[in-house]
Structures are given as C-alpha cells and as structure tokens.
Amino acid sequence: MAIAFPTIGKWFRRPDGTLLEVVAVDEGDGTIEIQFFDGTIDEVEIDAWRDQLLIEVAAPEDWSGSVDMDPEDYKGTRTDEMPAGFHDPLKFLGKS
C-alpha cells in the first residue's frame, strides 16, 4: 500500500475512523500540522507520518466541523447584539 503524501487541504481517515485534514507542512521543523474534524489541532513528526496508517479520503460532506456556526450562536438576549456585518460582510465598511 502506498503512503499518502501529506498535502495541505487533503483529508485522511485513521483506522479508528477519525477524520483529519492537513493544514500545514513545515519541512524545516519536520512537522505536519493536522486538524481533526472536531476542530482540534495537533502536530505530527514527518518521520512518524507513515506510521499513522492513514487513508486519503474525500472531504466530508459537512467539512466545516466545529467552525460551522449559525447566527443564533452569536445572539444574546437582545436582538441588536449581532456583530456588525454578520449578515453582510461589507456592511461594516464606511459608506462614502
């Protein structure tokens, strides 16, 4: 079985079913930064990458994991507590 090369943006599955994405590769430090589907960040030594027994997979259908937030997540008890520009990212820019 060929060892999948750690490319930024690629998703992998561990034998236990855990999904992870490669988010950074630092050849100078010899490390690979990975982010699990739940948002947890970890670092793996490049030399240990092949020992992980990872299988390259397609990005999950809901690939956003823990960063998927709804407007309700930002609301407090007052309706005007929604951060400026949440619905329209350009709304917070000054109008000329």
N, C-alpha and C. Protein backbone atom coordinates (compact mmCIF):
# COMPACT_ATOMS: atom_id res chain seq x y z
N MET A 1 0.84 -1.17 0.00
CA MET A 1 0.00 0.00 0.00
C MET A 1 0.89 1.24 0.00
N ALA A 2 0.58 2.18 -0.87
CA ALA A 2 1.36 3.41 -0.97
C ALA A 2 1.01 4.35 0.19
N ILE A 3 2.00 5.07 0.65
CA ILE A 3 1.80 6.02 1.74
C ILE A 3 1.34 7.34 1.14
N ALA A 4 0.22 7.87 1.61
CA ALA A 4 -0.31 9.13 1.12
C ALA A 4 0.59 10.27 1.58
N PHE A 5 0.98 11.13 0.66
CA PHE A 5 1.82 12.27 0.97
C PHE A 5 0.99 13.34 1.66
N PRO A 6 1.50 13.95 2.73
CA PRO A 6 0.73 14.97 3.46
C PRO A 6 0.68 16.29 2.69
N THR A 7 -0.39 16.50 1.96
CA THR A 7 -0.57 17.72 1.18
C THR A 7 -1.61 18.59 1.87
N ILE A 8 -1.32 19.86 2.00
CA ILE A 8 -2.23 20.80 2.66
C ILE A 8 -3.59 20.76 1.97
N GLY A 9 -4.64 20.63 2.78
CA GLY A 9 -6.00 20.61 2.28
C GLY A 9 -6.56 19.22 2.05
N LYS A 10 -5.70 18.20 2.08
CA LYS A 10 -6.19 16.83 1.89
C LYS A 10 -6.70 16.27 3.21
N TRP A 11 -7.72 15.42 3.08
CA TRP A 11 -8.34 14.78 4.24
C TRP A 11 -7.90 13.33 4.31
N PHE A 12 -7.78 12.83 5.55
CA PHE A 12 -7.37 11.45 5.79
C PHE A 12 -8.24 10.85 6.89
N ARG A 13 -8.30 9.53 6.90
CA ARG A 13 -9.02 8.81 7.95
C ARG A 13 -8.06 7.84 8.61
N ARG A 14 -8.06 7.85 9.94
CA ARG A 14 -7.28 6.90 10.71
C ARG A 14 -8.03 5.57 10.76
N PRO A 15 -7.34 4.49 11.11
CA PRO A 15 -8.01 3.19 11.20
C PRO A 15 -9.22 3.18 12.15
N ASP A 16 -9.21 4.07 13.16
CA ASP A 16 -10.34 4.12 14.10
C ASP A 16 -11.50 4.97 13.58
N GLY A 17 -11.36 5.52 12.36
CA GLY A 17 -12.43 6.31 11.75
C GLY A 17 -12.30 7.81 11.94
N THR A 18 -11.34 8.25 12.71
CA THR A 18 -11.14 9.67 12.96
C THR A 18 -10.73 10.39 11.68
N LEU A 19 -11.43 11.49 11.36
CA LEU A 19 -11.10 12.28 10.17
C LEU A 19 -10.18 13.43 10.55
N LEU A 20 -9.24 13.72 9.66
CA LEU A 20 -8.33 14.84 9.89
C LEU A 20 -7.93 15.45 8.55
N GLU A 21 -7.53 16.71 8.62
CA GLU A 21 -7.09 17.45 7.44
C GLU A 21 -5.68 17.97 7.69
N VAL A 22 -4.85 17.93 6.67
CA VAL A 22 -3.51 18.52 6.76
C VAL A 22 -3.67 20.03 6.56
N VAL A 23 -3.24 20.81 7.54
CA VAL A 23 -3.38 22.26 7.44
C VAL A 23 -2.04 22.98 7.26
N ALA A 24 -0.93 22.30 7.54
CA ALA A 24 0.38 22.92 7.35
C ALA A 24 1.46 21.84 7.33
N VAL A 25 2.49 22.09 6.52
CA VAL A 25 3.65 21.20 6.48
C VAL A 25 4.87 22.09 6.62
N ASP A 26 5.66 21.85 7.65
CA ASP A 26 6.87 22.63 7.90
C ASP A 26 8.06 21.69 7.73
N GLU A 27 8.63 21.72 6.55
CA GLU A 27 9.76 20.84 6.27
C GLU A 27 10.98 21.22 7.09
N GLY A 28 11.13 22.50 7.41
CA GLY A 28 12.25 22.95 8.22
C GLY A 28 12.24 22.35 9.61
N ASP A 29 11.05 22.34 10.23
CA ASP A 29 10.90 21.75 11.57
C ASP A 29 10.64 20.25 11.51
N GLY A 30 10.29 19.76 10.32
CA GLY A 30 10.00 18.34 10.17
C GLY A 30 8.67 17.94 10.79
N THR A 31 7.67 18.87 10.69
CA THR A 31 6.37 18.60 11.29
C THR A 31 5.23 18.82 10.30
N ILE A 32 4.12 18.16 10.59
CA ILE A 32 2.88 18.30 9.83
C ILE A 32 1.81 18.70 10.82
N GLU A 33 1.14 19.81 10.56
CA GLU A 33 0.06 20.24 11.44
C GLU A 33 -1.25 19.70 10.87
N ILE A 34 -2.03 19.06 11.73
CA ILE A 34 -3.30 18.48 11.31
C ILE A 34 -4.43 19.04 12.15
N GLN A 35 -5.60 19.07 11.56
CA GLN A 35 -6.79 19.49 12.29
C GLN A 35 -7.83 18.40 12.16
N PHE A 36 -8.33 17.94 13.30
CA PHE A 36 -9.35 16.92 13.31
C PHE A 36 -10.70 17.54 12.97
N PHE A 37 -11.65 16.72 12.58
CA PHE A 37 -12.97 17.20 12.19
C PHE A 37 -13.62 18.03 13.28
N ASP A 38 -13.34 17.72 14.54
CA ASP A 38 -13.95 18.47 15.65
C ASP A 38 -13.25 19.80 15.92
N GLY A 39 -12.21 20.11 15.15
CA GLY A 39 -11.51 21.38 15.30
C GLY A 39 -10.21 21.31 16.07
N THR A 40 -9.93 20.20 16.71
CA THR A 40 -8.70 20.04 17.49
C THR A 40 -7.49 20.06 16.56
N ILE A 41 -6.47 20.80 16.96
CA ILE A 41 -5.23 20.90 16.19
C ILE A 41 -4.18 20.01 16.85
N ASP A 42 -3.36 19.35 16.02
CA ASP A 42 -2.28 18.51 16.53
C ASP A 42 -1.11 18.62 15.57
N GLU A 43 0.02 18.12 15.99
CA GLU A 43 1.22 18.15 15.17
C GLU A 43 1.82 16.76 15.13
N VAL A 44 2.26 16.36 13.96
CA VAL A 44 2.85 15.03 13.77
C VAL A 44 4.23 15.21 13.14
N GLU A 45 5.19 14.47 13.62
CA GLU A 45 6.52 14.50 13.01
C GLU A 45 6.44 13.89 11.60
N ILE A 46 7.14 14.47 10.66
CA ILE A 46 7.13 13.95 9.29
C ILE A 46 7.58 12.49 9.27
N ASP A 47 8.59 12.16 10.07
CA ASP A 47 9.08 10.78 10.12
C ASP A 47 8.02 9.81 10.64
N ALA A 48 7.08 10.30 11.46
CA ALA A 48 6.04 9.44 12.03
C ALA A 48 4.79 9.37 11.15
N TRP A 49 4.75 10.16 10.09
CA TRP A 49 3.56 10.21 9.22
C TRP A 49 3.21 8.83 8.67
N ARG A 50 4.19 8.12 8.18
CA ARG A 50 3.92 6.81 7.57
C ARG A 50 3.41 5.79 8.58
N ASP A 51 3.72 5.99 9.86
CA ASP A 51 3.26 5.06 10.90
C ASP A 51 1.79 5.29 11.28
N GLN A 52 1.19 6.36 10.79
CA GLN A 52 -0.18 6.71 11.15
C GLN A 52 -1.22 5.80 10.48
N LEU A 53 -0.84 5.07 9.42
CA LEU A 53 -1.75 4.18 8.68
C LEU A 53 -2.99 4.94 8.19
N LEU A 54 -2.75 6.11 7.60
CA LEU A 54 -3.84 6.96 7.14
C LEU A 54 -4.28 6.58 5.73
N ILE A 55 -5.57 6.75 5.49
CA ILE A 55 -6.13 6.53 4.17
C ILE A 55 -6.66 7.87 3.67
N GLU A 56 -6.23 8.28 2.48
CA GLU A 56 -6.73 9.54 1.92
C GLU A 56 -8.19 9.37 1.55
N VAL A 57 -9.02 10.34 1.97
CA VAL A 57 -10.45 10.30 1.69
C VAL A 57 -10.90 11.66 1.16
N ALA A 58 -12.09 11.68 0.60
CA ALA A 58 -12.68 12.94 0.15
C ALA A 58 -13.08 13.75 1.39
N ALA A 59 -13.11 15.05 1.23
CA ALA A 59 -13.54 15.90 2.34
C ALA A 59 -14.95 15.50 2.75
N PRO A 60 -15.24 15.50 4.04
CA PRO A 60 -16.58 15.14 4.47
C PRO A 60 -17.61 16.10 3.90
N GLU A 61 -18.84 15.63 3.77
CA GLU A 61 -19.90 16.47 3.21
C GLU A 61 -20.04 17.75 4.01
N ASP A 62 -20.00 17.64 5.33
CA ASP A 62 -20.02 18.81 6.21
C ASP A 62 -18.60 19.04 6.69
N TRP A 63 -17.74 19.51 5.79
CA TRP A 63 -16.31 19.61 6.08
C TRP A 63 -15.97 20.71 7.07
N SER A 64 -16.93 21.57 7.41
CA SER A 64 -16.63 22.69 8.30
C SER A 64 -16.46 22.27 9.76
N GLY A 65 -17.01 21.13 10.16
CA GLY A 65 -16.83 20.63 11.52
C GLY A 65 -17.21 21.63 12.58
N SER A 66 -16.32 21.92 13.49
CA SER A 66 -16.65 22.78 14.62
C SER A 66 -16.71 24.25 14.26
N VAL A 67 -16.28 24.65 13.08
CA VAL A 67 -16.34 26.07 12.73
C VAL A 67 -17.66 26.45 12.09
N ASP A 68 -18.55 25.50 11.92
CA ASP A 68 -19.85 25.78 11.34
C ASP A 68 -20.73 26.42 12.39
N MET A 69 -20.97 27.72 12.26
CA MET A 69 -21.73 28.44 13.28
C MET A 69 -22.93 29.12 12.63
N ASP A 70 -24.03 29.11 13.34
CA ASP A 70 -25.25 29.75 12.90
C ASP A 70 -25.35 31.13 13.54
N PRO A 71 -26.16 32.03 12.95
CA PRO A 71 -26.33 33.35 13.57
C PRO A 71 -26.81 33.27 15.01
N GLU A 72 -27.59 32.23 15.34
CA GLU A 72 -28.08 32.07 16.71
C GLU A 72 -26.93 31.92 17.70
N ASP A 73 -25.79 31.42 17.23
CA ASP A 73 -24.64 31.24 18.11
C ASP A 73 -24.08 32.58 18.58
N TYR A 74 -24.34 33.64 17.84
CA TYR A 74 -23.81 34.95 18.18
C TYR A 74 -24.80 35.83 18.92
N LYS A 75 -26.06 35.46 18.93
CA LYS A 75 -27.09 36.29 19.53
C LYS A 75 -27.08 36.17 21.04
N GLY A 76 -27.31 37.29 21.67
CA GLY A 76 -27.53 37.31 23.11
C GLY A 76 -29.02 37.43 23.35
N THR A 77 -29.37 38.05 24.45
CA THR A 77 -30.80 38.23 24.74
C THR A 77 -31.37 39.41 23.98
N ARG A 78 -30.54 40.34 23.56
CA ARG A 78 -31.02 41.49 22.79
C ARG A 78 -30.82 41.21 21.31
N THR A 79 -31.74 41.66 20.50
CA THR A 79 -31.66 41.40 19.05
C THR A 79 -30.59 42.26 18.38
N ASP A 80 -30.16 43.34 19.01
CA ASP A 80 -29.14 44.20 18.39
C ASP A 80 -27.72 43.79 18.77
N GLU A 81 -27.55 42.62 19.40
CA GLU A 81 -26.23 42.16 19.80
C GLU A 81 -25.50 41.39 18.71
N MET A 82 -26.12 41.20 17.56
CA MET A 82 -25.46 40.52 16.44
C MET A 82 -24.31 41.41 15.98
N PRO A 83 -23.11 40.86 15.82
CA PRO A 83 -21.98 41.67 15.39
C PRO A 83 -22.26 42.39 14.07
N ALA A 84 -21.79 43.61 13.97
CA ALA A 84 -21.98 44.38 12.75
C ALA A 84 -21.37 43.64 11.57
N GLY A 85 -22.09 43.60 10.48
CA GLY A 85 -21.57 42.97 9.28
C GLY A 85 -21.74 41.46 9.23
N PHE A 86 -22.44 40.86 10.20
CA PHE A 86 -22.55 39.40 10.21
C PHE A 86 -23.31 38.91 8.99
N HIS A 87 -24.43 39.56 8.67
CA HIS A 87 -25.22 39.12 7.52
C HIS A 87 -24.66 39.63 6.21
N ASP A 88 -24.07 40.81 6.23
CA ASP A 88 -23.49 41.41 5.03
C ASP A 88 -22.05 41.80 5.37
N PRO A 89 -21.07 41.01 4.92
CA PRO A 89 -19.69 41.27 5.31
C PRO A 89 -19.18 42.67 4.95
N LEU A 90 -19.80 43.32 3.97
CA LEU A 90 -19.35 44.65 3.58
C LEU A 90 -20.08 45.76 4.32
N LYS A 91 -21.09 45.41 5.09
CA LYS A 91 -21.91 46.41 5.77
C LYS A 91 -21.10 47.22 6.78
N PHE A 92 -20.08 46.60 7.39
CA PHE A 92 -19.31 47.31 8.41
C PHE A 92 -18.37 48.37 7.81
N LEU A 93 -18.15 48.31 6.48
CA LEU A 93 -17.29 49.31 5.84
C LEU A 93 -18.01 50.65 5.80
N GLY A 94 -17.27 51.71 5.95
CA GLY A 94 -17.87 53.03 5.91
C GLY A 94 -18.49 53.33 4.55
N LYS A 95 -19.61 53.96 4.58
CA LYS A 95 -20.28 54.34 3.32
C LYS A 95 -19.70 55.68 2.87
N SER A 96 -19.45 55.76 1.58
CA SER A 96 -18.88 57.04 1.10
C SER A 96 -19.91 57.91 0.49
